[in-house]
């Protein structure tokens, strides 16, 4: 199979699950170019303008794939980001990798995990719960594989689950602001792309974990 032209190897990642808006762009060879903005509730007002300003000197036609954080986190931010990424991927007719914000955090912050090591992660949620998951470091040490699917859970129940795992595993808590982990998101998507995965935009759905309205 012939190698793809260099201009078509760029990947663009969007991270909107927290009060920050993160963008990262890379061709898989050089250092990724990234930027983070503290937008809070102004995400929908500024996102498209910031995207257009961030992309040059590359163009939309240079992109081979997109990646988006699909949650957990802010309901509104996650919905806006996933919707925008789906529209872009559909219009550009390129793959869209919809990936966990928790996995992106691990990719950026845990460099010392041994191959196949389990690491637990939690993120504060509403209604006295946490978003929680467990990931296994891949055997080649390059990515993370889901070992315990993300869920919203009471802290007491989560601690009981962790206590039942032997030997004990590390537990990390993700911060409120996750925009700067967009580079980790792009790394995970790049790994999937290199394996030949071509995720369709229609498969990208948000993970909210909780209903947005109190009942």
Foldseek 3Di string as FASTA:
>chain_A
DDDDPLLQQKEWEWEFQFQKTKIWIDSVPDDIDMDIDRHRVCCVVCVVVVVVVPQPPRDLLSYQEYEYAQDDHHPVRNVVGLVVRLVSCVVNVHFYHHHHLFQLVCLPPPQPDAAQAKEKEWEDDPPQWIWIFIWTQHNVRQGIHGPGDTATGHPVVVVVVQVPDPPHHHYYYDDRDRRVSRVSRVSRVSVCVVVVDTHHSVVHHHDHNDDPDDD
